[in-house]
Amino acid sequence: MGVQDKVVISCALSGAAANRQQCPYIPYTPEEYASETRRARDAGAAVVHIHARKPEDGRPSYDVADYRAITEAIVAEVPDIVINYSTGAIGIDREQRIAHIRELKPEIGALNMGSLNYAIYSRSKKKFYVDAVFANPFGDIQFFLEAMKDAKVKPEHECFDSGHINNILLLQDMGVADPKPHVSFVMGVHGGIAATVENLVHQAQILPDGAHWQAIGVRHPEQWRMVAAAVALGGSVRVGLEDNFYVDDDVMATSNGELCEKAARLAADVGRTVAEPNEVREMLSVPVPDRAKAKAGAAS
């Protein structure tokens, strides 16, 4: 759990649940994803995490064509960015959840490491607006890990509770999970682990040896508490409009870039610098694609 100088900032551009009635700055079209990626990259992000949307109305999409259009627009605008696709979904069969990874082969693929109750709850109205079970049995997790291995995609193991970290250990014992896993602590989802510093420290302490980890705090102010704690503890962070709309109390971000800028500033305040995309690839043992090699050559 030692502190390394470089902190990786990942940006979750849109998510799949929120819409423009809640936040008018969520990207829907490929061009909007590209513009948001440029803003995030300029502010310090090295990785973008992508849930595809239908460009006409922003509905969540699991179609390979939509992922392709979004990715092509992004890499045309920001050639060196690290691409990360989601596989998370409720009520979608696992073949459809992995099809875009098999076909397009992003550098990183996120998968959920266990099941949980998943809720959206209003404290003011004392009401659940979403009440679902996010099912991720071991058979599905193994299926996704094997598909990513075949596609030469680095898994991102998303853990919504501390027990999900133990699931990585079991899958390592089977020889399925990466011996040096990339792990995300998703904190603050109703039904999962609470976003507290104590819980973050506990999770970091029980990680498999050699793991790279990042904290994902859901909502404001939890996102910023987790960013501050993670950078102080030596971890990396994810921010973005998928997880939180606000840069400060009652101040909605007008772009993903504003969220990334605040994360970079918090990292700098504790003496850490943000990692460049090719430094992230080196950390995670991800090959450098030709588009990023050309970008690095032009900059040297």
C-alpha atoms as a PDB file:
ATOM      1  CA  MET A   1       0.000   0.000   0.000  1.00  0.00           C
ATOM      2  CA  GLY A   2       2.997   2.265  -0.509  1.00  0.00           C
ATOM      3  CA  VAL A   3       2.671   5.655  -2.129  1.00  0.00           C
ATOM      4  CA  GLN A   4       3.888   5.815  -5.712  1.00  0.00           C
ATOM      5  CA  ASP A   5       4.548   9.131  -7.405  1.00  0.00           C
ATOM      6  CA  LYS A   6       2.237   8.558 -10.365  1.00  0.00           C
ATOM      7  CA  VAL A   7      -1.524   8.531  -9.960  1.00  0.00           C
ATOM      8  CA  VAL A   8      -3.756   7.288 -12.750  1.00  0.00           C
ATOM      9  CA  ILE A   9      -6.875   9.363 -13.375  1.00  0.00           C
ATOM     10  CA  SER A  10      -9.610   7.450 -15.171  1.00  0.00           C
ATOM     11  CA  CYS A  11     -12.697   9.253 -16.418  1.00  0.00           C
ATOM     12  CA  ALA A  12     -16.101   7.553 -16.660  1.00  0.00           C
ATOM     13  CA  LEU A  13     -17.619   9.709 -19.365  1.00  0.00           C
ATOM     14  CA  SER A  14     -21.330   8.942 -19.293  1.00  0.00           C
ATOM     15  CA  GLY A  15     -22.433   5.819 -17.458  1.00  0.00           C
ATOM     16  CA  ALA A  16     -25.643   4.088 -18.481  1.00  0.00           C
ATOM     17  CA  ALA A  17     -28.181   5.186 -15.869  1.00  0.00           C
ATOM     18  CA  ALA A  18     -28.280   8.995 -15.775  1.00  0.00           C
ATOM     19  CA  ASN A  19     -29.760  11.222 -18.469  1.00  0.00           C
ATOM     20  CA  ARG A  20     -29.743  14.846 -19.541  1.00  0.00           C
ATOM     21  CA  GLN A  21     -32.741  15.678 -17.386  1.00  0.00           C
ATOM     22  CA  GLN A  22     -30.439  14.995 -14.445  1.00  0.00           C
ATOM     23  CA  CYS A  23     -27.269  16.429 -15.987  1.00  0.00           C
ATOM     24  CA  PRO A  24     -27.380  18.209 -19.365  1.00  0.00           C
ATOM     25  CA  TYR A  25     -23.668  17.625 -20.032  1.00  0.00           C
ATOM     26  CA  ILE A  26     -23.717  13.824 -20.389  1.00  0.00           C
ATOM     27  CA  PRO A  27     -22.465  12.841 -23.855  1.00  0.00           C
ATOM     28  CA  TYR A  28     -24.754  10.897 -26.180  1.00  0.00           C
ATOM     29  CA  THR A  29     -23.211  11.156 -29.659  1.00  0.00           C
ATOM     30  CA  PRO A  30     -19.770   9.940 -30.780  1.00  0.00           C
ATOM     31  CA  GLU A  31     -18.714  13.539 -31.343  1.00  0.00           C
ATOM     32  CA  GLU A  32     -19.747  14.466 -27.807  1.00  0.00           C
ATOM     33  CA  TYR A  33     -17.814  11.510 -26.386  1.00  0.00           C
ATOM     34  CA  ALA A  34     -14.761  12.693 -28.321  1.00  0.00           C
ATOM     35  CA  SER A  35     -15.086  16.267 -27.068  1.00  0.00           C
ATOM     36  CA  GLU A  36     -15.519  15.074 -23.485  1.00  0.00           C
ATOM     37  CA  THR A  37     -12.468  12.837 -23.844  1.00  0.00           C
ATOM     38  CA  ARG A  38     -10.427  15.794 -25.050  1.00  0.00           C
ATOM     39  CA  ARG A  39     -11.527  17.842 -22.025  1.00  0.00           C
ATOM     40  CA  ALA A  40     -10.739  14.972 -19.666  1.00  0.00           C
ATOM     41  CA  ARG A  41      -7.341  14.305 -21.242  1.00  0.00           C
ATOM     42  CA  ASP A  42      -6.368  17.977 -21.128  1.00  0.00           C
ATOM     43  CA  ALA A  43      -7.238  17.985 -17.419  1.00  0.00           C
ATOM     44  CA  GLY A  44      -5.059  14.958 -16.618  1.00  0.00           C
ATOM     45  CA  ALA A  45      -7.048  11.816 -17.395  1.00  0.00           C
ATOM     46  CA  ALA A  46      -5.154   8.971 -19.044  1.00  0.00           C
ATOM     47  CA  VAL A  47      -8.030   6.461 -19.298  1.00  0.00           C
ATOM     48  CA  VAL A  48     -11.650   6.803 -20.409  1.00  0.00           C
ATOM     49  CA  HIS A  49     -14.268   4.292 -19.265  1.00  0.00           C
ATOM     50  CA  ILE A  50     -17.056   3.899 -21.809  1.00  0.00           C
ATOM     51  CA  HIS A  51     -20.693   2.872 -21.634  1.00  0.00           C
ATOM     52  CA  ALA A  52     -22.172   3.308 -25.108  1.00  0.00           C
ATOM     53  CA  ARG A  53     -25.328   5.334 -25.726  1.00  0.00           C
ATOM     54  CA  LYS A  54     -27.738   5.608 -28.622  1.00  0.00           C
ATOM     55  CA  PRO A  55     -26.892   8.975 -30.201  1.00  0.00           C
ATOM     56  CA  GLU A  56     -30.485   9.949 -30.925  1.00  0.00           C
ATOM     57  CA  ASP A  57     -31.800   9.795 -27.359  1.00  0.00           C
ATOM     58  CA  GLY A  58     -29.033   8.606 -25.035  1.00  0.00           C
ATOM     59  CA  ARG A  59     -30.496   5.183 -24.270  1.00  0.00           C
ATOM     60  CA  PRO A  60     -27.895   2.686 -23.052  1.00  0.00           C
ATOM     61  CA  SER A  61     -26.536   0.651 -25.956  1.00  0.00           C
ATOM     62  CA  TYR A  62     -24.831  -2.727 -26.032  1.00  0.00           C
ATOM     63  CA  ASP A  63     -24.414  -2.717 -29.816  1.00  0.00           C
ATOM     64  CA  VAL A  64     -20.936  -3.182 -31.213  1.00  0.00           C
ATOM     65  CA  ALA A  65     -21.639  -0.540 -33.870  1.00  0.00           C
ATOM     66  CA  ASP A  66     -22.257   2.126 -31.246  1.00  0.00           C
ATOM     67  CA  TYR A  67     -19.087   1.236 -29.340  1.00  0.00           C
ATOM     68  CA  ARG A  68     -17.155   1.321 -32.605  1.00  0.00           C
ATOM     69  CA  ALA A  69     -18.474   4.750 -33.611  1.00  0.00           C
ATOM     70  CA  ILE A  70     -17.744   6.209 -30.169  1.00  0.00           C
ATOM     71  CA  THR A  71     -14.256   4.719 -30.036  1.00  0.00           C
ATOM     72  CA  GLU A  72     -13.324   5.839 -33.543  1.00  0.00           C
ATOM     73  CA  ALA A  73     -14.405   9.391 -32.723  1.00  0.00           C
ATOM     74  CA  ILE A  74     -12.452   9.367 -29.457  1.00  0.00           C
ATOM     75  CA  VAL A  75      -9.162   8.065 -30.850  1.00  0.00           C
ATOM     76  CA  ALA A  76      -9.355  10.435 -33.815  1.00  0.00           C
ATOM     77  CA  GLU A  77      -9.533  13.321 -31.333  1.00  0.00           C
ATOM     78  CA  VAL A  78      -7.236  11.903 -28.603  1.00  0.00           C
ATOM     79  CA  PRO A  79      -4.987   9.220 -30.125  1.00  0.00           C
ATOM     80  CA  ASP A  80      -2.998   8.412 -26.980  1.00  0.00           C
ATOM     81  CA  ILE A  81      -5.925   7.833 -24.588  1.00  0.00           C
ATOM     82  CA  VAL A  82      -6.337   4.400 -22.960  1.00  0.00           C
ATOM     83  CA  ILE A  83      -9.703   2.862 -23.867  1.00  0.00           C
ATOM     84  CA  ASN A  84     -11.717   0.977 -21.224  1.00  0.00           C
ATOM     85  CA  TYR A  85     -15.098  -0.646 -21.969  1.00  0.00           C
ATOM     86  CA  SER A  86     -17.774  -1.607 -19.460  1.00  0.00           C
ATOM     87  CA  THR A  87     -19.482  -5.005 -19.384  1.00  0.00           C
ATOM     88  CA  GLY A  88     -21.852  -4.033 -16.573  1.00  0.00           C
ATOM     89  CA  ALA A  89     -25.576  -4.465 -17.199  1.00  0.00           C
ATOM     90  CA  ILE A  90     -28.735  -5.764 -15.550  1.00  0.00           C
ATOM     91  CA  GLY A  91     -31.037  -7.969 -17.601  1.00  0.00           C
ATOM     92  CA  ILE A  92     -28.664  -8.361 -20.578  1.00  0.00           C
ATOM     93  CA  ASP A  93     -27.265 -11.792 -21.461  1.00  0.00           C
ATOM     94  CA  ARG A  94     -23.563 -12.302 -21.039  1.00  0.00           C
ATOM     95  CA  GLU A  95     -22.830 -12.861 -24.735  1.00  0.00           C
ATOM     96  CA  GLN A  96     -24.202  -9.409 -25.518  1.00  0.00           C
ATOM     97  CA  ARG A  97     -22.301  -7.901 -22.582  1.00  0.00           C
ATOM     98  CA  ILE A  98     -18.966  -9.143 -23.977  1.00  0.00           C
ATOM     99  CA  ALA A  99     -19.534  -8.826 -27.747  1.00  0.00           C
ATOM    100  CA  HIS A 100     -17.965  -5.360 -28.065  1.00  0.00           C
ATOM    101  CA  ILE A 101     -14.868  -6.541 -26.173  1.00  0.00           C
ATOM    102  CA  ARG A 102     -14.437  -9.567 -28.428  1.00  0.00           C
ATOM    103  CA  GLU A 103     -14.906  -7.515 -31.592  1.00  0.00           C
ATOM    104  CA  LEU A 104     -13.156  -4.218 -30.823  1.00  0.00           C
ATOM    105  CA  LYS A 105     -10.513  -5.319 -28.284  1.00  0.00           C
ATOM    106  CA  PRO A 106     -10.131  -2.253 -26.054  1.00  0.00           C
ATOM    107  CA  GLU A 107      -7.059  -2.071 -23.865  1.00  0.00           C
ATOM    108  CA  ILE A 108      -9.062  -2.580 -20.648  1.00  0.00           C
ATOM    109  CA  GLY A 109     -12.396  -4.288 -19.967  1.00  0.00           C
ATOM    110  CA  ALA A 110     -14.249  -3.711 -16.709  1.00  0.00           C
ATOM    111  CA  LEU A 111     -16.177  -6.558 -15.097  1.00  0.00           C
ATOM    112  CA  ASN A 112     -18.004  -6.933 -11.805  1.00  0.00           C
ATOM    113  CA  MET A 113     -16.526  -9.312  -9.263  1.00  0.00           C
ATOM    114  CA  GLY A 114     -19.701 -10.323  -7.466  1.00  0.00           C
ATOM    115  CA  SER A 115     -23.436  -9.929  -7.051  1.00  0.00           C
ATOM    116  CA  LEU A 116     -25.193  -7.297  -4.947  1.00  0.00           C
ATOM    117  CA  ASN A 117     -28.464  -5.565  -4.300  1.00  0.00           C
ATOM    118  CA  TYR A 118     -28.425  -2.447  -6.467  1.00  0.00           C
ATOM    119  CA  ALA A 119     -30.611   0.485  -5.487  1.00  0.00           C
ATOM    120  CA  ILE A 120     -31.223   4.148  -6.123  1.00  0.00           C
ATOM    121  CA  TYR A 121     -32.704   5.600  -2.953  1.00  0.00           C
ATOM    122  CA  SER A 122     -34.019   9.037  -2.018  1.00  0.00           C
ATOM    123  CA  ARG A 123     -33.377   9.936   1.614  1.00  0.00           C
ATOM    124  CA  SER A 124     -35.614  12.982   1.348  1.00  0.00           C
ATOM    125  CA  LYS A 125     -38.575  10.983  -0.003  1.00  0.00           C
ATOM    126  CA  LYS A 126     -37.780   7.750   1.862  1.00  0.00           C
ATOM    127  CA  LYS A 127     -38.243   5.849  -1.381  1.00  0.00           C
ATOM    128  CA  PHE A 128     -36.387   3.374  -3.619  1.00  0.00           C
ATOM    129  CA  TYR A 129     -36.449   4.410  -7.277  1.00  0.00           C
ATOM    130  CA  VAL A 130     -34.425   1.376  -8.372  1.00  0.00           C
ATOM    131  CA  ASP A 131     -34.538  -1.913  -6.477  1.00  0.00           C
ATOM    132  CA  ALA A 132     -32.699  -4.654  -8.346  1.00  0.00           C
ATOM    133  CA  VAL A 133     -30.275  -7.525  -7.949  1.00  0.00           C
ATOM    134  CA  PHE A 134     -27.065  -7.119  -9.938  1.00  0.00           C
ATOM    135  CA  ALA A 135     -26.266 -10.774 -10.544  1.00  0.00           C
ATOM    136  CA  ASN A 136     -22.646 -11.706 -11.262  1.00  0.00           C
ATOM    137  CA  PRO A 137     -22.185 -15.392 -10.359  1.00  0.00           C
ATOM    138  CA  PHE A 138     -18.787 -17.028 -10.561  1.00  0.00           C
ATOM    139  CA  GLY A 139     -19.662 -18.709 -13.849  1.00  0.00           C
ATOM    140  CA  ASP A 140     -20.256 -15.344 -15.502  1.00  0.00           C
ATOM    141  CA  ILE A 141     -17.127 -13.790 -13.986  1.00  0.00           C
ATOM    142  CA  GLN A 142     -15.032 -16.701 -15.263  1.00  0.00           C
ATOM    143  CA  PHE A 143     -16.690 -16.391 -18.676  1.00  0.00           C
ATOM    144  CA  PHE A 144     -15.795 -12.703 -18.936  1.00  0.00           C
ATOM    145  CA  LEU A 145     -12.224 -13.213 -17.733  1.00  0.00           C
ATOM    146  CA  GLU A 146     -11.620 -16.006 -20.252  1.00  0.00           C
ATOM    147  CA  ALA A 147     -13.108 -13.921 -23.074  1.00  0.00           C
ATOM    148  CA  MET A 148     -10.868 -10.985 -22.163  1.00  0.00           C
ATOM    149  CA  LYS A 149      -7.832 -13.250 -22.028  1.00  0.00           C
ATOM    150  CA  ASP A 150      -8.640 -14.549 -25.516  1.00  0.00           C
ATOM    151  CA  ALA A 151      -9.030 -10.968 -26.776  1.00  0.00           C
ATOM    152  CA  LYS A 152      -5.797  -9.844 -25.021  1.00  0.00           C
ATOM    153  CA  VAL A 153      -7.743  -7.267 -23.008  1.00  0.00           C
ATOM    154  CA  LYS A 154      -6.637  -6.285 -19.482  1.00  0.00           C
ATOM    155  CA  PRO A 155      -9.445  -6.940 -16.965  1.00  0.00           C
ATOM    156  CA  GLU A 156     -10.474  -4.272 -14.494  1.00  0.00           C
ATOM    157  CA  HIS A 157     -11.937  -6.076 -11.480  1.00  0.00           C
ATOM    158  CA  GLU A 158     -14.732  -3.882 -10.090  1.00  0.00           C
ATOM    159  CA  CYS A 159     -15.388  -4.685  -6.426  1.00  0.00           C
ATOM    160  CA  PHE A 160     -18.551  -3.284  -4.842  1.00  0.00           C
ATOM    161  CA  ASP A 161     -17.794  -4.826  -1.449  1.00  0.00           C
ATOM    162  CA  SER A 162     -14.815  -6.304   0.366  1.00  0.00           C
ATOM    163  CA  GLY A 163     -16.027  -9.855  -0.275  1.00  0.00           C
ATOM    164  CA  HIS A 164     -15.602  -9.249  -3.999  1.00  0.00           C
ATOM    165  CA  ILE A 165     -11.863  -8.852  -3.415  1.00  0.00           C
ATOM    166  CA  ASN A 166     -11.776 -12.390  -2.023  1.00  0.00           C
ATOM    167  CA  ASN A 167     -13.428 -13.551  -5.237  1.00  0.00           C
ATOM    168  CA  ILE A 168     -10.331 -12.393  -7.113  1.00  0.00           C
ATOM    169  CA  LEU A 169      -8.227 -14.660  -4.894  1.00  0.00           C
ATOM    170  CA  LEU A 170     -10.400 -17.675  -5.711  1.00  0.00           C
ATOM    171  CA  LEU A 171     -10.177 -16.991  -9.444  1.00  0.00           C
ATOM    172  CA  GLN A 172      -6.419 -16.527  -9.172  1.00  0.00           C
ATOM    173  CA  ASP A 173      -6.241 -19.943  -7.544  1.00  0.00           C
ATOM    174  CA  MET A 174      -8.084 -21.337 -10.590  1.00  0.00           C
ATOM    175  CA  GLY A 175      -5.564 -19.644 -12.876  1.00  0.00           C
ATOM    176  CA  VAL A 176      -8.277 -17.461 -14.432  1.00  0.00           C
ATOM    177  CA  ALA A 177      -7.681 -14.059 -12.820  1.00  0.00           C
ATOM    178  CA  ASP A 178      -4.604 -11.957 -13.528  1.00  0.00           C
ATOM    179  CA  PRO A 179      -1.760 -12.609 -11.027  1.00  0.00           C
ATOM    180  CA  LYS A 180      -1.244  -8.813 -10.857  1.00  0.00           C
ATOM    181  CA  PRO A 181      -4.818  -7.575 -11.108  1.00  0.00           C
ATOM    182  CA  HIS A 182      -6.115  -4.098 -11.834  1.00  0.00           C
ATOM    183  CA  VAL A 183      -8.771  -3.544  -9.145  1.00  0.00           C
ATOM    184  CA  SER A 184     -11.417  -0.860  -8.656  1.00  0.00           C
ATOM    185  CA  PHE A 185     -13.137  -0.231  -5.329  1.00  0.00           C
ATOM    186  CA  VAL A 186     -16.629   0.994  -6.233  1.00  0.00           C
ATOM    187  CA  MET A 187     -17.843   2.714  -3.080  1.00  0.00           C
ATOM    188  CA  GLY A 188     -21.119   4.344  -2.154  1.00  0.00           C
ATOM    189  CA  VAL A 189     -23.552   2.338  -4.291  1.00  0.00           C
ATOM    190  CA  HIS A 190     -26.650   1.536  -2.227  1.00  0.00           C
ATOM    191  CA  GLY A 191     -26.372  -2.191  -1.610  1.00  0.00           C
ATOM    192  CA  GLY A 192     -22.559  -2.124  -1.691  1.00  0.00           C
ATOM    193  CA  ILE A 193     -19.802  -0.927   0.623  1.00  0.00           C
ATOM    194  CA  ALA A 194     -20.112   2.587   2.060  1.00  0.00           C
ATOM    195  CA  ALA A 195     -17.708   5.274   0.844  1.00  0.00           C
ATOM    196  CA  THR A 196     -15.692   5.834   4.017  1.00  0.00           C
ATOM    197  CA  VAL A 197     -11.966   6.226   4.525  1.00  0.00           C
ATOM    198  CA  GLU A 198     -11.986   3.302   6.965  1.00  0.00           C
ATOM    199  CA  ASN A 199     -13.517   1.025   4.337  1.00  0.00           C
ATOM    200  CA  LEU A 200     -11.056   2.182   1.689  1.00  0.00           C
ATOM    201  CA  VAL A 201      -8.088   1.446   3.938  1.00  0.00           C
ATOM    202  CA  HIS A 202      -9.495  -1.999   4.775  1.00  0.00           C
ATOM    203  CA  GLN A 203      -9.926  -2.900   1.101  1.00  0.00           C
ATOM    204  CA  ALA A 204      -6.455  -1.694   0.168  1.00  0.00           C
ATOM    205  CA  GLN A 205      -5.002  -3.846   2.937  1.00  0.00           C
ATOM    206  CA  ILE A 206      -6.616  -7.093   1.743  1.00  0.00           C
ATOM    207  CA  LEU A 207      -5.705  -6.782  -1.940  1.00  0.00           C
ATOM    208  CA  PRO A 208      -3.786  -9.551  -3.683  1.00  0.00           C
ATOM    209  CA  ASP A 209      -0.046  -8.944  -3.877  1.00  0.00           C
ATOM    210  CA  GLY A 210       1.020  -6.926  -6.901  1.00  0.00           C
ATOM    211  CA  ALA A 211      -2.398  -5.370  -7.522  1.00  0.00           C
ATOM    212  CA  HIS A 212      -2.898  -1.882  -8.934  1.00  0.00           C
ATOM    213  CA  TRP A 213      -5.962  -0.224  -7.417  1.00  0.00           C
ATOM    214  CA  GLN A 214      -8.197   2.756  -7.869  1.00  0.00           C
ATOM    215  CA  ALA A 215     -11.049   4.223  -5.839  1.00  0.00           C
ATOM    216  CA  ILE A 216     -14.428   5.093  -7.340  1.00  0.00           C
ATOM    217  CA  GLY A 217     -16.627   7.209  -5.083  1.00  0.00           C
ATOM    218  CA  VAL A 218     -20.274   7.519  -6.097  1.00  0.00           C
ATOM    219  CA  ARG A 219     -22.087  10.876  -5.700  1.00  0.00           C
ATOM    220  CA  HIS A 220     -20.988  14.138  -4.087  1.00  0.00           C
ATOM    221  CA  PRO A 221     -19.251  14.580  -1.682  1.00  0.00           C
ATOM    222  CA  GLU A 222     -18.301  10.898  -1.466  1.00  0.00           C
ATOM    223  CA  GLN A 223     -16.382  11.042  -4.738  1.00  0.00           C
ATOM    224  CA  TRP A 224     -14.047  13.734  -3.444  1.00  0.00           C
ATOM    225  CA  ARG A 225     -13.525  12.081  -0.071  1.00  0.00           C
ATOM    226  CA  MET A 226     -12.480   8.881  -1.832  1.00  0.00           C
ATOM    227  CA  VAL A 227     -10.217  10.755  -4.274  1.00  0.00           C
ATOM    228  CA  ALA A 228      -8.477  12.570  -1.416  1.00  0.00           C
ATOM    229  CA  ALA A 229      -8.021   9.384   0.594  1.00  0.00           C
ATOM    230  CA  ALA A 230      -6.904   7.283  -2.374  1.00  0.00           C
ATOM    231  CA  VAL A 231      -4.214   9.685  -3.541  1.00  0.00           C
ATOM    232  CA  ALA A 232      -2.914   9.964   0.033  1.00  0.00           C
ATOM    233  CA  LEU A 233      -2.807   6.163   0.383  1.00  0.00           C
ATOM    234  CA  GLY A 234      -0.972   5.623  -2.909  1.00  0.00           C
ATOM    235  CA  GLY A 235      -3.856   4.529  -5.093  1.00  0.00           C
ATOM    236  CA  SER A 236      -5.340   5.812  -8.306  1.00  0.00           C
ATOM    237  CA  VAL A 237      -8.782   7.306  -8.906  1.00  0.00           C
ATOM    238  CA  ARG A 238     -11.770   7.402 -11.213  1.00  0.00           C
ATOM    239  CA  VAL A 239     -14.026  10.421 -11.594  1.00  0.00           C
ATOM    240  CA  GLY A 240     -16.565  11.438 -14.213  1.00  0.00           C
ATOM    241  CA  LEU A 241     -20.220  12.133 -14.896  1.00  0.00           C
ATOM    242  CA  GLU A 242     -21.084   8.438 -14.564  1.00  0.00           C
ATOM    243  CA  ASP A 243     -20.305   8.602 -10.852  1.00  0.00           C
ATOM    244  CA  ASN A 244     -20.944  12.189  -9.760  1.00  0.00           C
ATOM    245  CA  PHE A 245     -22.193  15.455 -11.294  1.00  0.00           C
ATOM    246  CA  TYR A 246     -20.804  17.955  -8.783  1.00  0.00           C
ATOM    247  CA  VAL A 247     -17.429  19.650  -8.357  1.00  0.00           C
ATOM    248  CA  ASP A 248     -18.596  21.348  -5.157  1.00  0.00           C
ATOM    249  CA  ASP A 249     -21.725  21.795  -3.083  1.00  0.00           C
ATOM    250  CA  ASP A 250     -24.513  22.847  -5.477  1.00  0.00           C
ATOM    251  CA  VAL A 251     -21.979  23.393  -8.297  1.00  0.00           C
ATOM    252  CA  MET A 252     -22.650  20.999 -11.174  1.00  0.00           C
ATOM    253  CA  ALA A 253     -19.725  20.216 -13.452  1.00  0.00           C
ATOM    254  CA  THR A 254     -20.254  21.392 -17.020  1.00  0.00           C
ATOM    255  CA  SER A 255     -17.857  18.756 -18.357  1.00  0.00           C
ATOM    256  CA  ASN A 256     -15.901  15.687 -17.355  1.00  0.00           C
ATOM    257  CA  GLY A 257     -12.838  17.857 -17.645  1.00  0.00           C
ATOM    258  CA  GLU A 258     -13.809  19.866 -14.577  1.00  0.00           C
ATOM    259  CA  LEU A 259     -14.032  16.687 -12.504  1.00  0.00           C
ATOM    260  CA  CYS A 260     -10.657  15.459 -13.776  1.00  0.00           C
ATOM    261  CA  GLU A 261      -9.093  18.840 -13.086  1.00  0.00           C
ATOM    262  CA  LYS A 262     -10.192  18.697  -9.441  1.00  0.00           C
ATOM    263  CA  ALA A 263      -8.846  15.142  -9.091  1.00  0.00           C
ATOM    264  CA  ALA A 264      -5.483  16.210 -10.520  1.00  0.00           C
ATOM    265  CA  ARG A 265      -5.374  19.160  -8.126  1.00  0.00           C
ATOM    266  CA  LEU A 266      -6.046  16.925  -5.124  1.00  0.00           C
ATOM    267  CA  ALA A 267      -3.257  14.592  -6.247  1.00  0.00           C
ATOM    268  CA  ALA A 268      -0.845  17.492  -6.631  1.00  0.00           C
ATOM    269  CA  ASP A 269      -1.737  18.724  -3.146  1.00  0.00           C
ATOM    270  CA  VAL A 270      -0.255  15.535  -1.658  1.00  0.00           C
ATOM    271  CA  GLY A 271       2.824  15.605  -3.888  1.00  0.00           C
ATOM    272  CA  ARG A 272       1.771  13.211  -6.619  1.00  0.00           C
ATOM    273  CA  THR A 273       1.758  13.702 -10.377  1.00  0.00           C
ATOM    274  CA  VAL A 274      -0.719  12.344 -12.906  1.00  0.00           C
ATOM    275  CA  ALA A 275       0.360   9.466 -15.124  1.00  0.00           C
ATOM    276  CA  GLU A 276       0.486   9.839 -18.889  1.00  0.00           C
ATOM    277  CA  PRO A 277      -1.342   7.205 -20.961  1.00  0.00           C
ATOM    278  CA  ASN A 278       1.773   5.266 -21.944  1.00  0.00           C
ATOM    279  CA  GLU A 279       2.894   5.252 -18.306  1.00  0.00           C
ATOM    280  CA  VAL A 280      -0.458   3.653 -17.452  1.00  0.00           C
ATOM    281  CA  ARG A 281       0.107   1.036 -20.139  1.00  0.00           C
ATOM    282  CA  GLU A 282       3.492   0.252 -18.597  1.00  0.00           C
ATOM    283  CA  MET A 283       2.000   0.004 -15.084  1.00  0.00           C
ATOM    284  CA  LEU A 284      -0.704  -2.386 -16.246  1.00  0.00           C
ATOM    285  CA  SER A 285       1.434  -4.324 -18.755  1.00  0.00           C
ATOM    286  CA  VAL A 286      -0.811  -3.231 -21.621  1.00  0.00           C
ATOM    287  CA  PRO A 287       0.776  -2.991 -25.100  1.00  0.00           C
ATOM    288  CA  VAL A 288       1.077   0.459 -26.662  1.00  0.00           C
ATOM    289  CA  PRO A 289      -1.172   0.648 -29.769  1.00  0.00           C
ATOM    290  CA  ASP A 290       0.137   2.130 -32.985  1.00  0.00           C
ATOM    291  CA  ARG A 291      -2.028   5.246 -32.597  1.00  0.00           C
ATOM    292  CA  ALA A 292      -0.393   6.010 -29.237  1.00  0.00           C
ATOM    293  CA  LYS A 293       3.097   5.257 -30.577  1.00  0.00           C
ATOM    294  CA  ALA A 294       2.559   7.813 -33.330  1.00  0.00           C
ATOM    295  CA  LYS A 295       1.377  10.363 -30.745  1.00  0.00           C
ATOM    296  CA  ALA A 296       4.411   9.717 -28.535  1.00  0.00           C
ATOM    297  CA  GLY A 297       6.745  10.068 -31.511  1.00  0.00           C
ATOM    298  CA  ALA A 298       5.229  13.382 -32.518  1.00  0.00           C
ATOM    299  CA  ALA A 299       5.601  14.727 -28.977  1.00  0.00           C
ATOM    300  CA  SER A 300       9.284  13.729 -28.596  1.00  0.00           C
END
